[in-house]
């Protein structure tokens, strides 16, 4: 196991797997009060009262029956605005294997990270950031666009830790150069922490918040080292604990809360 830097990830509390703002799609079997509730306006009971008061319009006509079955072609209005059910937000953490690309579709028909969850996740999710095809480890998939943008934005300095295996031992002078920062073709590359892993000179732990493309590989290539393995073991407070390679899990409610609190 590699050593993390500066601070240990918080202990995971056992929580129910959950999503934020759980809702159901508009369909032919949904009652009007349930539909209104799924739009995030109020509870189902309160929605029934809104309907009875004539405040909910179906196709711009007052509908007083809360049990009215909403059809797929119906348009529902409240306070003059068209309302639609909120999309269910999902947050999935995968332990990406090698030879898997971080795209929604690949022109060469290679396996993608979305293929890993396609049989059991019906929502349309997207990867947050990217990992190279042969880089393994933690990657978050979500349909929460706001959270995704914040995680990817450099101003939030999202912490990432990588386990790097090199083709030869990293010399002490080169270790020091990386620690102090290197000048690459696109500017200075500064890590937040660096360590030998379990005393092995060719295995390195790197803590970094930069999101520049291939930044870890480019750091070592700059010093004439070949990266044989690159594994992301920590991402934004999330770890690989109980998550084998090639598997995935939904974030707990508490993990989602922690992410959003950190990104405020």
Protein backbone atom coordinates (compact mmCIF):
# COMPACT_ATOMS: atom_id res chain seq x y z
CA UNK A 1 0.00 0.00 0.00
CA UNK A 2 1.23 3.47 -0.76
CA UNK A 3 1.48 6.31 1.70
CA UNK A 4 -0.85 9.27 1.39
CA UNK A 5 0.35 12.79 2.06
CA UNK A 6 -0.35 15.52 4.61
CA UNK A 7 -3.78 14.31 5.52
CA UNK A 8 -5.46 10.95 5.63
CA UNK A 9 -8.75 10.44 3.77
CA UNK A 10 -11.70 10.60 6.18
CA UNK A 11 -13.02 7.29 7.42
CA UNK A 12 -15.95 6.12 5.41
CA UNK A 13 -19.19 5.88 7.34
CA UNK A 14 -21.63 3.21 6.37
CA UNK A 15 -24.44 4.97 4.62
CA UNK A 16 -27.25 3.88 2.43
CA UNK A 17 -26.46 4.13 -1.23
CA UNK A 18 -28.57 7.02 -2.45
CA UNK A 19 -28.89 9.75 -5.01
CA UNK A 20 -29.91 13.36 -4.69
CA UNK A 21 -33.40 14.48 -5.71
CA UNK A 22 -34.71 11.06 -6.60
CA UNK A 23 -37.42 11.36 -9.19
CA UNK A 24 -39.29 9.32 -11.75
CA UNK A 25 -39.67 9.99 -15.43
CA UNK A 26 -42.84 11.31 -16.94
CA UNK A 27 -44.92 8.33 -18.02
CA UNK A 28 -48.48 7.21 -18.71
CA UNK A 29 -49.02 5.77 -15.23
CA UNK A 30 -48.13 8.82 -13.12
CA UNK A 31 -50.84 10.70 -11.30
CA UNK A 32 -50.88 14.48 -11.58
CA UNK A 33 -50.04 15.19 -7.94
CA UNK A 34 -47.11 12.75 -8.10
CA UNK A 35 -45.88 14.36 -11.31
CA UNK A 36 -45.97 17.83 -9.73
CA UNK A 37 -44.11 16.55 -6.67
CA UNK A 38 -41.40 15.04 -8.90
CA UNK A 39 -40.91 18.48 -10.42
CA UNK A 40 -39.49 19.57 -7.07
CA UNK A 41 -42.22 22.07 -6.29
CA UNK A 42 -43.64 20.50 -3.13
CA UNK A 43 -44.65 17.23 -1.50
CA UNK A 44 -47.19 14.91 -3.10
CA UNK A 45 -49.84 15.88 -0.53
CA UNK A 46 -49.22 19.59 -1.09
CA UNK A 47 -49.33 18.99 -4.85
CA UNK A 48 -52.79 17.47 -4.49
CA UNK A 49 -53.95 20.66 -2.78
CA UNK A 50 -52.49 22.80 -5.57
CA UNK A 51 -54.43 20.75 -8.10
CA UNK A 52 -57.70 21.04 -6.14
CA UNK A 53 -57.24 24.82 -5.96
CA UNK A 54 -56.96 24.99 -9.74
CA UNK A 55 -53.33 26.12 -9.68
CA UNK A 56 -52.08 23.32 -11.93
CA UNK A 57 -52.85 23.42 -15.65
CA UNK A 58 -52.77 20.47 -18.02
CA UNK A 59 -52.29 21.60 -21.60
CA UNK A 60 -53.16 25.12 -20.35
CA UNK A 61 -56.52 23.90 -18.99
CA UNK A 62 -57.37 23.75 -15.27
CA UNK A 63 -57.39 20.16 -13.97
CA UNK A 64 -58.94 19.69 -10.51
CA UNK A 65 -58.40 15.95 -10.15
CA UNK A 66 -55.09 15.03 -8.41
CA UNK A 67 -55.49 11.46 -9.70
CA UNK A 68 -55.52 12.54 -13.34
CA UNK A 69 -53.13 10.27 -15.23
CA UNK A 70 -50.45 12.30 -16.97
CA UNK A 71 -49.89 11.19 -20.56
CA UNK A 72 -46.58 11.50 -22.40
CA UNK A 73 -48.00 14.21 -24.67
CA UNK A 74 -49.35 16.34 -21.80
CA UNK A 75 -47.74 19.66 -20.87
CA UNK A 76 -48.10 20.65 -17.22
CA UNK A 77 -47.98 24.28 -16.07
CA UNK A 78 -47.63 25.92 -12.65
CA UNK A 79 -47.70 29.69 -12.17
CA UNK A 80 -47.53 30.11 -15.93
CA UNK A 81 -44.38 28.01 -16.29
CA UNK A 82 -43.99 24.63 -17.97
CA UNK A 83 -42.77 22.15 -15.37
CA UNK A 84 -40.96 18.86 -15.88
CA UNK A 85 -39.66 16.24 -13.43
CA UNK A 86 -36.16 16.80 -12.11
CA UNK A 87 -33.54 14.45 -13.47
CA UNK A 88 -32.32 11.89 -11.00
CA UNK A 89 -28.75 12.74 -10.05
CA UNK A 90 -26.39 9.79 -9.88
CA UNK A 91 -22.78 9.60 -8.74
CA UNK A 92 -20.76 6.52 -9.63
CA UNK A 93 -17.17 5.79 -8.64
CA UNK A 94 -15.31 3.31 -10.84
CA UNK A 95 -11.93 1.65 -10.45
CA UNK A 96 -10.90 1.91 -14.08
CA UNK A 97 -8.94 -1.00 -15.59
CA UNK A 98 -6.30 -0.72 -18.31
CA UNK A 99 -7.26 -0.65 -21.98
CA UNK A 100 -10.42 1.33 -21.24
CA UNK A 101 -10.95 4.77 -22.75
CA UNK A 102 -12.52 7.72 -20.92
CA UNK A 103 -15.06 8.70 -23.56
CA UNK A 104 -18.76 8.12 -24.11
CA UNK A 105 -18.13 6.52 -27.51
CA UNK A 106 -14.95 5.35 -29.20
CA UNK A 107 -14.40 5.44 -32.97
CA UNK A 108 -12.15 2.36 -32.76
CA UNK A 109 -14.81 0.41 -30.82
CA UNK A 110 -12.55 0.06 -27.79
CA UNK A 111 -14.11 -0.52 -24.39
CA UNK A 112 -15.16 2.72 -22.67
CA UNK A 113 -15.76 3.56 -19.02
CA UNK A 114 -19.46 3.91 -19.81
CA UNK A 115 -19.54 0.30 -21.04
CA UNK A 116 -18.66 -0.70 -17.48
CA UNK A 117 -21.98 0.62 -16.13
CA UNK A 118 -24.27 0.47 -19.18
CA UNK A 119 -26.13 -2.67 -18.11
CA UNK A 120 -27.20 -1.37 -14.71
CA UNK A 121 -27.23 2.44 -14.89
CA UNK A 122 -30.08 3.82 -17.00
CA UNK A 123 -29.22 7.50 -16.52
CA UNK A 124 -26.94 9.19 -19.05
CA UNK A 125 -23.73 9.85 -17.13
CA UNK A 126 -20.39 11.34 -18.14
CA UNK A 127 -16.85 11.01 -16.78
CA UNK A 128 -15.45 13.84 -14.67
CA UNK A 129 -12.11 14.63 -16.26
CA UNK A 130 -10.23 11.80 -17.90
CA UNK A 131 -7.65 9.09 -17.39
CA UNK A 132 -5.41 7.79 -20.18
CA UNK A 133 -6.37 4.45 -21.72
CA UNK A 134 -3.64 2.63 -19.79
CA UNK A 135 -3.99 4.63 -16.57
CA UNK A 136 -5.97 2.79 -13.92
CA UNK A 137 -7.81 3.86 -10.80
CA UNK A 138 -10.52 6.16 -9.56
CA UNK A 139 -12.83 7.99 -11.94
CA UNK A 140 -16.17 9.60 -11.16
CA UNK A 141 -19.18 9.32 -13.48
CA UNK A 142 -22.18 11.60 -12.99
CA UNK A 143 -24.97 13.51 -14.69
CA UNK A 144 -24.56 16.40 -12.24
CA UNK A 145 -23.13 19.00 -14.59
CA UNK A 146 -22.56 21.65 -11.93
CA UNK A 147 -20.58 19.31 -9.69
CA UNK A 148 -18.61 17.99 -12.65
CA UNK A 149 -17.56 21.50 -13.71
CA UNK A 150 -16.42 22.38 -10.20
CA UNK A 151 -14.40 19.19 -9.80
CA UNK A 152 -12.64 19.88 -13.09
CA UNK A 153 -11.97 23.57 -12.41
CA UNK A 154 -8.42 24.33 -11.20
CA UNK A 155 -9.62 26.97 -8.71
CA UNK A 156 -11.03 24.23 -6.44
CA UNK A 157 -7.66 22.42 -6.31
CA UNK A 158 -9.15 18.95 -6.11
CA UNK A 159 -6.66 16.59 -4.47
CA UNK A 160 -5.52 13.52 -6.42
CA UNK A 161 -2.96 10.88 -5.44
CA UNK A 162 -1.25 8.57 -7.93
CA UNK A 163 0.85 5.44 -7.48
CA UNK A 164 3.57 5.45 -10.16
CA UNK A 165 5.76 2.48 -11.14
CA UNK A 166 8.87 3.42 -13.15
CA UNK A 167 11.15 1.30 -15.32
CA UNK A 168 14.10 2.19 -13.08
CA UNK A 169 14.79 3.73 -9.70
CA UNK A 170 14.09 7.43 -9.26
CA UNK A 171 17.34 9.11 -8.25
CA UNK A 172 17.47 11.43 -5.27
CA UNK A 173 18.39 14.46 -7.43
CA UNK A 174 15.45 13.82 -9.76
CA UNK A 175 13.20 13.25 -6.73
CA UNK A 176 14.24 16.69 -5.52
CA UNK A 177 13.64 18.27 -8.94
CA UNK A 178 10.08 16.97 -9.01
CA UNK A 179 9.50 18.14 -5.44
CA UNK A 180 10.67 21.66 -6.30
CA UNK A 181 8.80 21.82 -9.62
CA UNK A 182 9.75 21.31 -13.26
CA UNK A 183 9.36 23.59 -16.26
CA UNK A 184 7.50 21.69 -19.00
CA UNK A 185 6.44 22.88 -22.45
CA UNK A 186 3.20 24.32 -21.07
CA UNK A 187 4.60 25.88 -17.92
CA UNK A 188 5.65 24.85 -14.44
CA UNK A 189 4.55 21.46 -13.12
CA UNK A 190 4.34 21.51 -9.33
CA UNK A 191 3.35 18.56 -7.19
CA UNK A 192 1.86 18.90 -3.71
CA UNK A 193 3.71 15.89 -2.33
CA UNK A 194 6.07 13.12 -3.41
CA UNK A 195 7.25 9.96 -1.66
CA UNK A 196 8.89 6.62 -2.32
CA UNK A 197 6.34 3.85 -1.78
CA UNK A 198 7.27 1.25 0.84
CA UNK A 199 10.93 2.09 0.36
CA UNK A 200 10.94 1.04 -3.30
CA UNK A 201 12.89 3.56 -5.35
CA UNK A 202 11.00 2.83 -8.58
CA UNK A 203 7.55 3.19 -6.98
CA UNK A 204 6.49 6.75 -6.31
CA UNK A 205 3.50 8.37 -4.66
CA UNK A 206 2.50 11.70 -6.17
CA UNK A 207 -0.04 14.10 -4.67
CA UNK A 208 -1.17 16.76 -7.12
CA UNK A 209 -4.14 19.00 -7.86
CA UNK A 210 -3.22 20.00 -11.41
CA UNK A 211 -5.60 18.74 -14.08
CA UNK A 212 -3.25 19.26 -17.03
CA UNK A 213 -3.30 16.56 -19.69
CA UNK A 214 -0.94 13.62 -18.97
CA UNK A 215 0.79 15.72 -16.32
CA UNK A 216 2.18 12.78 -14.29
CA UNK A 217 3.56 10.96 -17.31
CA UNK A 218 5.05 14.17 -18.72
CA UNK A 219 6.83 14.94 -15.45
CA UNK A 220 8.70 11.64 -15.54
CA UNK A 221 9.22 11.63 -19.31
CA UNK A 222 10.87 15.03 -18.92
CA UNK A 223 13.49 13.35 -16.72
CA UNK A 224 13.85 10.32 -19.04
CA UNK A 225 11.84 7.84 -16.99
CA UNK A 226 9.31 5.44 -18.47
CA UNK A 227 6.05 5.06 -16.58
CA UNK A 228 5.19 1.36 -16.51
CA UNK A 229 2.09 1.69 -14.33
CA UNK A 230 0.01 4.69 -13.28
CA UNK A 231 -2.82 4.24 -10.82
CA UNK A 232 -5.03 6.95 -9.28
CA UNK A 233 -5.66 5.81 -5.71
CA UNK A 234 -7.33 8.91 -4.25
CA UNK A 235 -9.67 11.48 -5.77
CA UNK A 236 -11.46 14.35 -4.01
CA UNK A 237 -11.72 12.49 -0.70
CA UNK A 238 -12.65 9.17 -2.32
CA UNK A 239 -10.50 6.04 -2.09
CA UNK A 240 -10.39 2.56 -3.63
CA UNK A 241 -11.38 0.88 -0.38
CA UNK A 242 -13.55 -2.18 -1.12
CA UNK A 243 -13.57 -1.31 -4.83
CA UNK A 244 -11.68 -3.92 -6.91
CA UNK A 245 -10.23 -3.10 -10.32
CA UNK A 246 -12.91 -3.04 -13.02
CA UNK A 247 -15.77 -2.57 -10.54
CA UNK A 248 -17.90 0.42 -9.57
CA UNK A 249 -20.22 1.62 -6.83
CA UNK A 250 -22.65 4.45 -6.20
CA UNK A 251 -21.51 7.16 -3.81
CA UNK A 252 -23.28 7.24 -0.48
CA UNK A 253 -25.44 10.21 0.45
CA UNK A 254 -22.75 11.37 2.89
CA UNK A 255 -20.05 11.21 0.22
CA UNK A 256 -22.15 13.37 -2.10
CA UNK A 257 -22.71 15.86 0.73
CA UNK A 258 -18.97 15.92 1.48
CA UNK A 259 -18.12 16.59 -2.18
CA UNK A 260 -20.59 19.43 -2.47
CA UNK A 261 -19.49 20.95 0.84
CA UNK A 262 -15.85 20.91 -0.27
CA UNK A 263 -16.72 22.59 -3.56
CA UNK A 264 -18.75 25.47 -2.14
